[in-house]
N, C-alpha and C. Protein backbone atom coordinates (compact mmCIF):
# COMPACT_ATOMS: atom_id res chain seq x y z
N MET A 1 45.74 -25.96 31.92
CA MET A 1 46.07 -25.76 30.51
C MET A 1 45.47 -26.72 29.65
N ARG A 2 45.21 -27.98 30.10
CA ARG A 2 44.62 -29.01 29.33
C ARG A 2 43.35 -28.63 28.92
N ARG A 3 42.47 -28.12 29.82
CA ARG A 3 41.12 -27.66 29.67
C ARG A 3 40.96 -26.63 28.62
N ILE A 4 42.10 -25.80 28.34
CA ILE A 4 41.90 -24.79 27.23
C ILE A 4 42.25 -25.54 26.03
N PHE A 5 43.05 -26.32 25.78
CA PHE A 5 43.35 -27.15 24.45
C PHE A 5 42.26 -27.98 24.20
N VAL A 6 41.80 -28.54 25.16
CA VAL A 6 40.62 -29.50 24.84
C VAL A 6 39.37 -28.69 24.57
N SER A 7 39.00 -27.58 25.05
CA SER A 7 38.10 -26.74 24.66
C SER A 7 38.06 -26.14 23.46
N LEU A 8 39.47 -25.67 23.15
CA LEU A 8 39.71 -25.22 21.49
C LEU A 8 39.26 -26.36 20.55
N ILE A 9 39.69 -27.57 20.91
CA ILE A 9 39.42 -28.83 19.90
C ILE A 9 37.96 -28.94 19.97
N GLU A 10 37.37 -29.00 21.08
CA GLU A 10 35.78 -29.13 20.88
C GLU A 10 35.14 -27.96 20.13
N GLY A 11 35.66 -26.91 20.32
CA GLY A 11 35.06 -25.69 19.50
C GLY A 11 35.37 -26.00 17.94
N TYR A 12 36.46 -26.44 17.62
CA TYR A 12 36.70 -26.82 16.31
C TYR A 12 35.75 -27.85 15.86
N GLN A 13 35.57 -28.95 16.47
CA GLN A 13 34.78 -30.04 16.30
C GLN A 13 33.27 -29.69 16.03
N HIS A 14 32.98 -28.86 16.82
CA HIS A 14 31.42 -28.45 16.61
C HIS A 14 31.22 -27.35 15.77
N LEU A 15 32.13 -26.31 15.56
CA LEU A 15 31.82 -25.13 14.77
C LEU A 15 32.50 -25.33 13.38
N ILE A 16 33.68 -25.86 13.25
CA ILE A 16 34.09 -26.02 11.93
C ILE A 16 34.08 -27.37 11.34
N GLY A 17 34.66 -28.46 12.05
CA GLY A 17 34.67 -29.77 11.63
C GLY A 17 33.37 -30.37 11.15
N ALA A 18 32.28 -29.94 12.10
CA ALA A 18 30.96 -30.43 11.57
C ALA A 18 30.48 -30.10 10.24
N TYR A 19 30.99 -28.95 9.62
CA TYR A 19 30.68 -28.55 8.36
C TYR A 19 31.58 -28.91 7.27
N LEU A 20 32.72 -29.64 7.70
CA LEU A 20 33.81 -30.07 6.55
C LEU A 20 33.35 -31.43 6.09
N PRO A 21 33.59 -31.86 4.84
CA PRO A 21 33.40 -33.16 4.41
C PRO A 21 34.18 -34.00 5.07
N HIS A 22 33.83 -35.33 5.53
CA HIS A 22 34.59 -36.37 6.15
C HIS A 22 35.44 -36.93 5.28
N GLN A 23 36.74 -36.64 5.53
CA GLN A 23 37.90 -37.15 4.75
C GLN A 23 38.95 -37.90 5.66
N CYS A 24 38.71 -38.01 6.79
CA CYS A 24 39.88 -38.54 7.75
C CYS A 24 40.10 -39.85 7.40
N LEU A 25 41.30 -40.42 7.44
CA LEU A 25 41.75 -41.77 7.15
C LEU A 25 41.62 -42.51 8.25
N PHE A 26 41.58 -41.99 9.49
CA PHE A 26 41.90 -42.66 10.59
C PHE A 26 40.55 -42.69 11.49
N VAL A 27 40.44 -43.52 12.42
CA VAL A 27 39.29 -43.65 13.31
C VAL A 27 40.06 -43.85 14.90
N PRO A 28 39.89 -42.99 15.69
CA PRO A 28 39.02 -41.73 15.70
C PRO A 28 39.81 -40.55 14.82
N THR A 29 38.91 -39.53 14.49
CA THR A 29 39.60 -38.50 13.93
C THR A 29 40.75 -37.85 14.53
N CYS A 30 41.35 -37.09 13.77
CA CYS A 30 42.93 -36.61 14.20
C CYS A 30 42.33 -35.50 15.55
N SER A 31 41.28 -34.84 15.28
CA SER A 31 41.05 -33.84 16.39
C SER A 31 40.60 -34.58 17.59
N GLU A 32 39.96 -35.84 17.52
CA GLU A 32 39.62 -36.59 18.68
C GLU A 32 40.66 -37.32 19.38
N TYR A 33 41.68 -37.75 18.33
CA TYR A 33 42.83 -38.36 18.91
C TYR A 33 43.66 -37.46 19.56
N THR A 34 43.80 -36.22 19.26
CA THR A 34 44.51 -35.27 19.81
C THR A 34 43.94 -34.76 21.11
N LYS A 35 42.60 -34.69 21.23
CA LYS A 35 41.91 -34.41 22.48
C LYS A 35 42.25 -35.60 23.57
N GLN A 36 42.16 -36.66 23.04
CA GLN A 36 42.44 -37.92 23.99
C GLN A 36 43.94 -38.00 24.31
N ALA A 37 44.75 -37.64 23.48
CA ALA A 37 46.26 -37.66 23.79
C ALA A 37 46.59 -36.52 24.90
N ILE A 38 45.88 -35.33 24.69
CA ILE A 38 46.15 -34.24 25.63
C ILE A 38 45.53 -34.59 26.86
N LEU A 39 44.40 -35.31 27.06
CA LEU A 39 43.86 -35.62 28.36
C LEU A 39 44.77 -36.73 29.02
N GLU A 40 45.38 -37.67 28.22
CA GLU A 40 46.08 -38.68 28.91
C GLU A 40 47.63 -38.44 29.11
N TYR A 41 48.16 -37.64 28.27
CA TYR A 41 49.67 -37.41 28.44
C TYR A 41 49.95 -35.83 28.65
N GLY A 42 49.03 -35.07 28.87
CA GLY A 42 49.21 -33.48 29.09
C GLY A 42 49.31 -32.83 27.94
N SER A 43 49.38 -31.42 28.01
CA SER A 43 49.28 -30.57 26.88
C SER A 43 50.43 -30.74 25.86
N PHE A 44 51.59 -30.63 26.25
CA PHE A 44 52.83 -30.57 25.35
C PHE A 44 52.76 -32.10 24.65
N LEU A 45 52.85 -33.16 25.31
CA LEU A 45 53.11 -34.23 24.58
C LEU A 45 51.78 -34.64 23.74
N GLY A 46 50.59 -34.31 24.32
CA GLY A 46 49.27 -34.59 23.59
C GLY A 46 49.47 -33.83 22.30
N ILE A 47 49.74 -32.57 22.25
CA ILE A 47 49.87 -31.81 21.15
C ILE A 47 50.84 -32.24 20.01
N ILE A 48 51.92 -32.87 20.62
CA ILE A 48 53.07 -33.35 19.80
C ILE A 48 52.56 -34.51 19.14
N LYS A 49 51.90 -35.53 19.91
CA LYS A 49 51.34 -36.77 19.23
C LYS A 49 50.22 -36.31 18.24
N GLY A 50 49.40 -35.22 18.55
CA GLY A 50 48.31 -34.97 17.53
C GLY A 50 48.88 -34.55 16.20
N LEU A 51 50.05 -33.76 16.43
CA LEU A 51 50.54 -33.10 15.02
C LEU A 51 51.17 -34.28 14.34
N LYS A 52 51.85 -35.16 14.92
CA LYS A 52 52.35 -36.22 14.32
C LYS A 52 51.22 -37.14 13.36
N ARG A 53 50.25 -37.19 13.99
CA ARG A 53 48.89 -37.88 13.46
C ARG A 53 48.36 -37.09 12.23
N ILE A 54 48.53 -35.75 12.50
CA ILE A 54 47.80 -34.92 11.34
C ILE A 54 48.79 -34.94 10.22
N CYS A 55 50.22 -34.91 10.46
CA CYS A 55 51.23 -35.06 9.40
C CYS A 55 51.03 -36.34 8.58
N MET A 56 50.77 -37.25 9.11
CA MET A 56 50.63 -38.62 8.58
C MET A 56 49.29 -38.59 7.69
N CYS A 57 48.32 -37.86 7.99
CA CYS A 57 47.14 -37.75 7.22
C CYS A 57 47.22 -36.80 5.97
N GLN A 58 48.06 -35.67 6.02
CA GLN A 58 48.03 -34.74 4.99
C GLN A 58 48.93 -35.33 3.79
N SER A 59 48.32 -34.82 2.71
CA SER A 59 49.02 -35.28 1.29
C SER A 59 50.31 -34.55 1.15
N PHE A 60 50.43 -33.32 1.75
CA PHE A 60 51.88 -32.55 1.73
C PHE A 60 52.91 -33.16 2.54
N PHE A 61 52.55 -34.01 3.35
CA PHE A 61 53.52 -34.79 4.02
C PHE A 61 53.56 -36.27 3.51
N SER A 62 53.81 -36.73 2.31
CA SER A 62 53.77 -37.98 1.88
C SER A 62 54.73 -38.89 2.41
N LEU A 63 54.37 -39.43 3.64
CA LEU A 63 55.08 -40.48 4.36
C LEU A 63 55.16 -41.63 3.75
N LYS A 64 56.19 -42.29 3.41
CA LYS A 64 56.26 -43.62 2.71
C LYS A 64 56.88 -44.68 3.61
N PHE A 65 56.37 -45.85 4.01
CA PHE A 65 56.90 -46.86 4.83
C PHE A 65 57.20 -47.95 3.94
N ASN A 66 58.31 -48.39 3.85
CA ASN A 66 58.96 -49.47 3.08
C ASN A 66 59.13 -50.71 4.09
N LYS A 67 58.42 -51.78 3.90
CA LYS A 67 58.72 -52.95 4.71
C LYS A 67 60.02 -53.56 4.40
N PHE A 68 60.84 -53.85 5.34
CA PHE A 68 62.09 -54.59 5.00
C PHE A 68 61.94 -56.05 4.74
N THR A 69 62.43 -56.58 3.59
CA THR A 69 62.33 -57.91 3.25
C THR A 69 63.68 -58.25 2.65
N LYS A 70 63.97 -59.48 2.44
CA LYS A 70 65.12 -59.98 1.93
C LYS A 70 65.11 -59.76 0.41
N GLU A 71 64.02 -59.60 -0.27
CA GLU A 71 63.90 -59.32 -1.70
C GLU A 71 64.23 -57.82 -1.95
N SER A 72 64.23 -56.86 -0.92
CA SER A 72 64.71 -55.49 -1.17
C SER A 72 66.08 -55.46 -1.22
N LEU A 73 66.98 -56.46 -0.75
CA LEU A 73 68.43 -56.35 -0.71
C LEU A 73 68.78 -56.87 -2.05
N LYS A 74 68.08 -57.45 -2.89
CA LYS A 74 68.63 -57.97 -4.12
C LYS A 74 68.84 -56.66 -5.39
């Protein structure tokens, strides 16, 4: 199962991703991160980790992290 998902990601990287403008905020790219996660954690967890990473990168999921400080309590 891992090989199938990794092959699909590699196909995307070579056939589609190579022709898109480079706009990724992360290094490695989300597709490479997902591929590595699948190889290390298995298909299910790897895809979940990849989807979380993609969601952080996309503007329609504007995640905001607020650092907790004592000033924020005032």
